[in-house]
Amino acid sequence: MLIRRATKGDASQIVPLYKIILAEMELPSLKKIREDKLDLVIQKSFSSAEYLGEKAQTLVAEINGKIAGFAWGYPDQNEQEINNLMISFMPEVGMPKGTQIFDDDECFPNEWYLDSIAVSPKFQGRGIGTALLKKLPQFTKKCGKKKLGLNVDWKNPRAEKLYKKIGFTKIGTTKLSHHYYDHLILKVN
């Protein structure tokens, strides 16, 4: 398994992994967006320089040339810009300008925020999520942050167990769409 920074060429393989997360979030806005159009918006986003290092960082786990998992996040101060970039691609794929996907802020102040992490069902149980998580503190440090934060759905105790095993602790609770999440942080030295 190779853990590396994502490249523009990885975007098409990231799309189905990112959609795993969107499906779990059950966002009402997604009911109004055609799936093929959403795929294009996600692919354009994960092909952009902003998602690949300028404003956010994307890591992939590669096994035999296939993207088996990915992790994507950014410093808290970039959250709105990152969300706006995805929205800016909507007209390019024939969707109305200003079409929204996300309605809620997810980050807590002064953290590098892990927005998304997913492992392909074909590759689960091989330590890919753990390997990706262990690489993330380097981004936290590079951005001058001392906390790596994430939200874990109350309906996903298996993920929360993994995060806590790595050293994350609960600091709060938040509601996104109609799901409740624990907000966890990992202190980074």
C-alpha atoms as a PDB file:
ATOM      1  CA  MET A   1       0.000   0.000   0.000  1.00  0.00           C
ATOM      2  CA  LEU A   2       1.242   3.456  -0.940  1.00  0.00           C
ATOM      3  CA  ILE A   3      -0.042   6.552   0.882  1.00  0.00           C
ATOM      4  CA  ARG A   4       0.592   9.649  -1.215  1.00  0.00           C
ATOM      5  CA  ARG A   5      -0.730  13.058  -2.113  1.00  0.00           C
ATOM      6  CA  ALA A   6      -3.532  12.881  -4.632  1.00  0.00           C
ATOM      7  CA  THR A   7      -3.008  14.107  -8.169  1.00  0.00           C
ATOM      8  CA  LYS A   8      -5.422  15.437 -10.758  1.00  0.00           C
ATOM      9  CA  GLY A   9      -5.476  11.989 -12.356  1.00  0.00           C
ATOM     10  CA  ASP A  10      -6.899  10.431  -9.166  1.00  0.00           C
ATOM     11  CA  ALA A  11     -10.087  12.514  -9.190  1.00  0.00           C
ATOM     12  CA  SER A  12     -12.256  10.027 -11.075  1.00  0.00           C
ATOM     13  CA  GLN A  13     -11.403   7.283  -8.548  1.00  0.00           C
ATOM     14  CA  ILE A  14     -12.063   9.622  -5.601  1.00  0.00           C
ATOM     15  CA  VAL A  15     -15.616  10.381  -6.810  1.00  0.00           C
ATOM     16  CA  PRO A  16     -17.218   7.063  -5.696  1.00  0.00           C
ATOM     17  CA  LEU A  17     -15.383   7.212  -2.356  1.00  0.00           C
ATOM     18  CA  TYR A  18     -16.576  10.757  -1.662  1.00  0.00           C
ATOM     19  CA  LYS A  19     -20.115   9.730  -2.588  1.00  0.00           C
ATOM     20  CA  ILE A  20     -20.032   7.069   0.155  1.00  0.00           C
ATOM     21  CA  ILE A  21     -19.755   9.930   2.649  1.00  0.00           C
ATOM     22  CA  LEU A  22     -22.426  12.046   0.951  1.00  0.00           C
ATOM     23  CA  ALA A  23     -24.836   9.093   0.993  1.00  0.00           C
ATOM     24  CA  GLU A  24     -24.255   8.564   4.712  1.00  0.00           C
ATOM     25  CA  MET A  25     -24.900  12.261   5.397  1.00  0.00           C
ATOM     26  CA  GLU A  26     -28.328  12.063   3.709  1.00  0.00           C
ATOM     27  CA  LEU A  27     -28.175  15.700   2.616  1.00  0.00           C
ATOM     28  CA  PRO A  28     -31.592  16.935   1.426  1.00  0.00           C
ATOM     29  CA  SER A  29     -29.913  19.085  -1.245  1.00  0.00           C
ATOM     30  CA  LEU A  30     -28.622  15.976  -3.029  1.00  0.00           C
ATOM     31  CA  LYS A  31     -32.163  14.908  -3.869  1.00  0.00           C
ATOM     32  CA  LYS A  32     -32.319  17.887  -6.256  1.00  0.00           C
ATOM     33  CA  ILE A  33     -29.028  17.201  -8.047  1.00  0.00           C
ATOM     34  CA  ARG A  34     -28.675  14.699 -10.865  1.00  0.00           C
ATOM     35  CA  GLU A  35     -26.096  12.057  -9.995  1.00  0.00           C
ATOM     36  CA  ASP A  36     -24.110  12.423 -13.225  1.00  0.00           C
ATOM     37  CA  LYS A  37     -23.858  16.190 -12.676  1.00  0.00           C
ATOM     38  CA  LEU A  38     -22.780  15.676  -9.066  1.00  0.00           C
ATOM     39  CA  ASP A  39     -20.079  13.257 -10.229  1.00  0.00           C
ATOM     40  CA  LEU A  40     -18.699  15.904 -12.586  1.00  0.00           C
ATOM     41  CA  VAL A  41     -18.683  18.559  -9.856  1.00  0.00           C
ATOM     42  CA  ILE A  42     -16.837  16.252  -7.454  1.00  0.00           C
ATOM     43  CA  GLN A  43     -14.340  15.293 -10.156  1.00  0.00           C
ATOM     44  CA  LYS A  44     -13.694  18.947 -11.059  1.00  0.00           C
ATOM     45  CA  SER A  45     -13.221  19.783  -7.377  1.00  0.00           C
ATOM     46  CA  PHE A  46     -10.719  16.988  -6.733  1.00  0.00           C
ATOM     47  CA  SER A  47      -8.872  17.941  -9.938  1.00  0.00           C
ATOM     48  CA  SER A  48      -8.403  21.533  -8.788  1.00  0.00           C
ATOM     49  CA  ALA A  49      -5.168  22.948  -7.413  1.00  0.00           C
ATOM     50  CA  GLU A  50      -7.107  24.210  -4.388  1.00  0.00           C
ATOM     51  CA  TYR A  51      -8.212  20.702  -3.356  1.00  0.00           C
ATOM     52  CA  LEU A  52      -4.798  19.224  -4.129  1.00  0.00           C
ATOM     53  CA  GLY A  53      -2.665  21.470  -1.960  1.00  0.00           C
ATOM     54  CA  GLU A  54      -3.304  25.191  -2.265  1.00  0.00           C
ATOM     55  CA  LYS A  55      -6.233  25.423   0.159  1.00  0.00           C
ATOM     56  CA  ALA A  56      -6.913  21.781   1.083  1.00  0.00           C
ATOM     57  CA  GLN A  57      -4.933  18.578   1.057  1.00  0.00           C
ATOM     58  CA  THR A  58      -5.994  15.228  -0.379  1.00  0.00           C
ATOM     59  CA  LEU A  59      -4.242  11.940   0.339  1.00  0.00           C
ATOM     60  CA  VAL A  60      -4.910   8.628  -1.341  1.00  0.00           C
ATOM     61  CA  ALA A  61      -4.094   5.037  -0.476  1.00  0.00           C
ATOM     62  CA  GLU A  62      -3.080   3.185  -3.606  1.00  0.00           C
ATOM     63  CA  ILE A  63      -3.005  -0.594  -3.985  1.00  0.00           C
ATOM     64  CA  ASN A  64      -1.953  -2.130  -7.311  1.00  0.00           C
ATOM     65  CA  GLY A  65      -2.689   1.105  -9.172  1.00  0.00           C
ATOM     66  CA  LYS A  66      -6.193   1.483  -7.679  1.00  0.00           C
ATOM     67  CA  ILE A  67      -7.280   4.158  -5.217  1.00  0.00           C
ATOM     68  CA  ALA A  68      -8.413   2.119  -2.216  1.00  0.00           C
ATOM     69  CA  GLY A  69      -9.123   5.073   0.085  1.00  0.00           C
ATOM     70  CA  PHE A  70      -8.740   8.798   0.475  1.00  0.00           C
ATOM     71  CA  ALA A  71      -8.589  11.494   3.121  1.00  0.00           C
ATOM     72  CA  TRP A  72      -9.282  15.162   2.493  1.00  0.00           C
ATOM     73  CA  GLY A  73      -9.127  18.185   4.761  1.00  0.00           C
ATOM     74  CA  TYR A  74      -8.101  21.790   5.251  1.00  0.00           C
ATOM     75  CA  PRO A  75      -7.344  24.458   7.848  1.00  0.00           C
ATOM     76  CA  ASP A  76     -10.534  25.816   9.431  1.00  0.00           C
ATOM     77  CA  GLN A  77     -10.108  29.264   7.866  1.00  0.00           C
ATOM     78  CA  ASN A  78     -10.380  27.740   4.360  1.00  0.00           C
ATOM     79  CA  GLU A  79     -13.729  25.983   4.866  1.00  0.00           C
ATOM     80  CA  GLN A  80     -15.939  28.568   3.167  1.00  0.00           C
ATOM     81  CA  GLU A  81     -13.555  29.026   0.237  1.00  0.00           C
ATOM     82  CA  ILE A  82     -13.393  25.248  -0.291  1.00  0.00           C
ATOM     83  CA  ASN A  83     -17.206  24.936  -0.221  1.00  0.00           C
ATOM     84  CA  ASN A  84     -17.568  27.914  -2.589  1.00  0.00           C
ATOM     85  CA  LEU A  85     -15.147  26.350  -5.057  1.00  0.00           C
ATOM     86  CA  MET A  86     -17.305  23.233  -5.351  1.00  0.00           C
ATOM     87  CA  ILE A  87     -20.384  25.426  -5.833  1.00  0.00           C
ATOM     88  CA  SER A  88     -18.580  27.393  -8.556  1.00  0.00           C
ATOM     89  CA  PHE A  89     -18.400  24.256 -10.717  1.00  0.00           C
ATOM     90  CA  MET A  90     -22.195  23.807 -10.735  1.00  0.00           C
ATOM     91  CA  PRO A  91     -22.877  26.093 -13.750  1.00  0.00           C
ATOM     92  CA  GLU A  92     -20.070  24.377 -15.685  1.00  0.00           C
ATOM     93  CA  VAL A  93     -22.016  21.102 -15.586  1.00  0.00           C
ATOM     94  CA  GLY A  94     -25.373  22.696 -16.412  1.00  0.00           C
ATOM     95  CA  MET A  95     -26.697  23.267 -12.906  1.00  0.00           C
ATOM     96  CA  PRO A  96     -28.119  26.572 -11.695  1.00  0.00           C
ATOM     97  CA  LYS A  97     -25.572  29.043 -10.324  1.00  0.00           C
ATOM     98  CA  GLY A  98     -25.514  29.012  -6.527  1.00  0.00           C
ATOM     99  CA  THR A  99     -26.752  25.422  -6.187  1.00  0.00           C
ATOM    100  CA  GLN A 100     -25.867  24.398  -2.624  1.00  0.00           C
ATOM    101  CA  ILE A 101     -24.758  21.025  -1.346  1.00  0.00           C
ATOM    102  CA  PHE A 102     -23.717  21.883   2.208  1.00  0.00           C
ATOM    103  CA  ASP A 103     -25.678  24.163   4.505  1.00  0.00           C
ATOM    104  CA  ASP A 104     -23.697  23.817   7.735  1.00  0.00           C
ATOM    105  CA  ASP A 105     -20.224  24.793   8.896  1.00  0.00           C
ATOM    106  CA  GLU A 106     -18.324  21.711  10.037  1.00  0.00           C
ATOM    107  CA  CYS A 107     -15.008  22.984  11.404  1.00  0.00           C
ATOM    108  CA  PHE A 108     -14.270  24.076  14.913  1.00  0.00           C
ATOM    109  CA  PRO A 109     -11.917  27.062  15.358  1.00  0.00           C
ATOM    110  CA  ASN A 110      -8.134  26.715  15.146  1.00  0.00           C
ATOM    111  CA  GLU A 111      -7.922  23.219  13.705  1.00  0.00           C
ATOM    112  CA  TRP A 112      -6.929  21.383  10.568  1.00  0.00           C
ATOM    113  CA  TYR A 113     -10.216  19.723   9.728  1.00  0.00           C
ATOM    114  CA  LEU A 114     -10.525  16.235   8.256  1.00  0.00           C
ATOM    115  CA  ASP A 115     -13.582  16.761   6.098  1.00  0.00           C
ATOM    116  CA  SER A 116     -13.686  13.314   4.530  1.00  0.00           C
ATOM    117  CA  ILE A 117     -12.115   9.903   4.829  1.00  0.00           C
ATOM    118  CA  ALA A 118     -13.379   6.799   3.061  1.00  0.00           C
ATOM    119  CA  VAL A 119     -12.138   3.360   2.115  1.00  0.00           C
ATOM    120  CA  SER A 120     -13.553   1.373  -0.781  1.00  0.00           C
ATOM    121  CA  PRO A 121     -15.706  -1.523   0.459  1.00  0.00           C
ATOM    122  CA  LYS A 122     -13.436  -3.858  -1.568  1.00  0.00           C
ATOM    123  CA  PHE A 123     -10.439  -2.822   0.545  1.00  0.00           C
ATOM    124  CA  GLN A 124     -11.907  -2.442   4.032  1.00  0.00           C
ATOM    125  CA  GLY A 125     -10.313  -4.245   6.957  1.00  0.00           C
ATOM    126  CA  ARG A 126      -6.752  -3.831   5.673  1.00  0.00           C
ATOM    127  CA  GLY A 127      -5.651  -0.885   7.825  1.00  0.00           C
ATOM    128  CA  ILE A 128      -6.082   1.699   5.080  1.00  0.00           C
ATOM    129  CA  GLY A 129      -8.102   4.133   7.194  1.00  0.00           C
ATOM    130  CA  THR A 130      -5.541   3.903   9.990  1.00  0.00           C
ATOM    131  CA  ALA A 131      -2.655   4.473   7.568  1.00  0.00           C
ATOM    132  CA  LEU A 132      -4.344   7.563   6.124  1.00  0.00           C
ATOM    133  CA  LEU A 133      -5.139   8.949   9.591  1.00  0.00           C
ATOM    134  CA  LYS A 134      -1.538   8.551  10.731  1.00  0.00           C
ATOM    135  CA  LYS A 135      -0.303  10.728   7.829  1.00  0.00           C
ATOM    136  CA  LEU A 136      -2.621  13.650   8.589  1.00  0.00           C
ATOM    137  CA  PRO A 137      -0.779  15.284  11.530  1.00  0.00           C
ATOM    138  CA  GLN A 138       1.919  16.439   9.103  1.00  0.00           C
ATOM    139  CA  PHE A 139      -0.636  18.701   7.388  1.00  0.00           C
ATOM    140  CA  THR A 140      -1.832  19.990  10.726  1.00  0.00           C
ATOM    141  CA  LYS A 141       1.723  21.003  11.643  1.00  0.00           C
ATOM    142  CA  LYS A 142       2.478  22.557   8.238  1.00  0.00           C
ATOM    143  CA  CYS A 143      -0.576  24.803   8.616  1.00  0.00           C
ATOM    144  CA  GLY A 144       0.527  25.913  12.077  1.00  0.00           C
ATOM    145  CA  LYS A 145      -2.361  24.166  13.794  1.00  0.00           C
ATOM    146  CA  LYS A 146      -2.073  22.117  16.968  1.00  0.00           C
ATOM    147  CA  LYS A 147      -5.355  20.233  16.573  1.00  0.00           C
ATOM    148  CA  LEU A 148      -6.609  17.815  13.944  1.00  0.00           C
ATOM    149  CA  GLY A 149     -10.406  17.767  14.093  1.00  0.00           C
ATOM    150  CA  LEU A 150     -13.158  15.648  12.579  1.00  0.00           C
ATOM    151  CA  ASN A 151     -16.833  14.868  12.965  1.00  0.00           C
ATOM    152  CA  VAL A 152     -18.038  11.307  13.431  1.00  0.00           C
ATOM    153  CA  ASP A 153     -21.697  10.397  12.951  1.00  0.00           C
ATOM    154  CA  TRP A 154     -23.410   8.922  15.999  1.00  0.00           C
ATOM    155  CA  LYS A 155     -24.544   6.145  13.636  1.00  0.00           C
ATOM    156  CA  ASN A 156     -20.921   5.118  13.011  1.00  0.00           C
ATOM    157  CA  PRO A 157     -19.517   3.741  16.305  1.00  0.00           C
ATOM    158  CA  ARG A 158     -16.980   1.609  14.419  1.00  0.00           C
ATOM    159  CA  ALA A 159     -15.298   4.738  13.004  1.00  0.00           C
ATOM    160  CA  GLU A 160     -15.396   6.467  16.388  1.00  0.00           C
ATOM    161  CA  LYS A 161     -13.673   3.453  17.965  1.00  0.00           C
ATOM    162  CA  LEU A 162     -10.882   3.693  15.353  1.00  0.00           C
ATOM    163  CA  TYR A 163     -10.429   7.430  15.922  1.00  0.00           C
ATOM    164  CA  LYS A 164     -10.245   7.021  19.690  1.00  0.00           C
ATOM    165  CA  LYS A 165      -7.766   4.153  19.323  1.00  0.00           C
ATOM    166  CA  ILE A 166      -5.484   6.534  17.412  1.00  0.00           C
ATOM    167  CA  GLY A 167      -5.798   9.159  20.158  1.00  0.00           C
ATOM    168  CA  PHE A 168      -8.722  11.411  19.193  1.00  0.00           C
ATOM    169  CA  THR A 169     -10.877  12.729  22.042  1.00  0.00           C
ATOM    170  CA  LYS A 170     -14.384  14.174  22.039  1.00  0.00           C
ATOM    171  CA  ILE A 171     -14.622  17.938  22.569  1.00  0.00           C
ATOM    172  CA  GLY A 172     -18.165  18.623  21.474  1.00  0.00           C
ATOM    173  CA  THR A 173     -21.247  17.702  19.499  1.00  0.00           C
ATOM    174  CA  THR A 174     -22.646  19.196  16.332  1.00  0.00           C
ATOM    175  CA  LYS A 175     -25.637  18.689  14.050  1.00  0.00           C
ATOM    176  CA  LEU A 176     -25.159  18.608  10.280  1.00  0.00           C
ATOM    177  CA  SER A 177     -28.268  18.343   8.165  1.00  0.00           C
ATOM    178  CA  HIS A 178     -30.374  16.047  10.389  1.00  0.00           C
ATOM    179  CA  HIS A 179     -27.539  13.907  11.811  1.00  0.00           C
ATOM    180  CA  TYR A 180     -25.730  14.339  15.107  1.00  0.00           C
ATOM    181  CA  TYR A 181     -21.952  14.061  15.213  1.00  0.00           C
ATOM    182  CA  ASP A 182     -19.297  14.015  17.906  1.00  0.00           C
ATOM    183  CA  HIS A 183     -16.487  16.427  17.183  1.00  0.00           C
ATOM    184  CA  LEU A 184     -13.157  14.801  17.971  1.00  0.00           C
ATOM    185  CA  ILE A 185      -9.665  16.241  18.014  1.00  0.00           C
ATOM    186  CA  LEU A 186      -6.161  14.848  18.018  1.00  0.00           C
ATOM    187  CA  LYS A 187      -3.598  17.138  19.619  1.00  0.00           C
ATOM    188  CA  VAL A 188      -0.523  17.472  17.427  1.00  0.00           C
ATOM    189  CA  ASN A 189       2.865  18.487  18.818  1.00  0.00           C
END
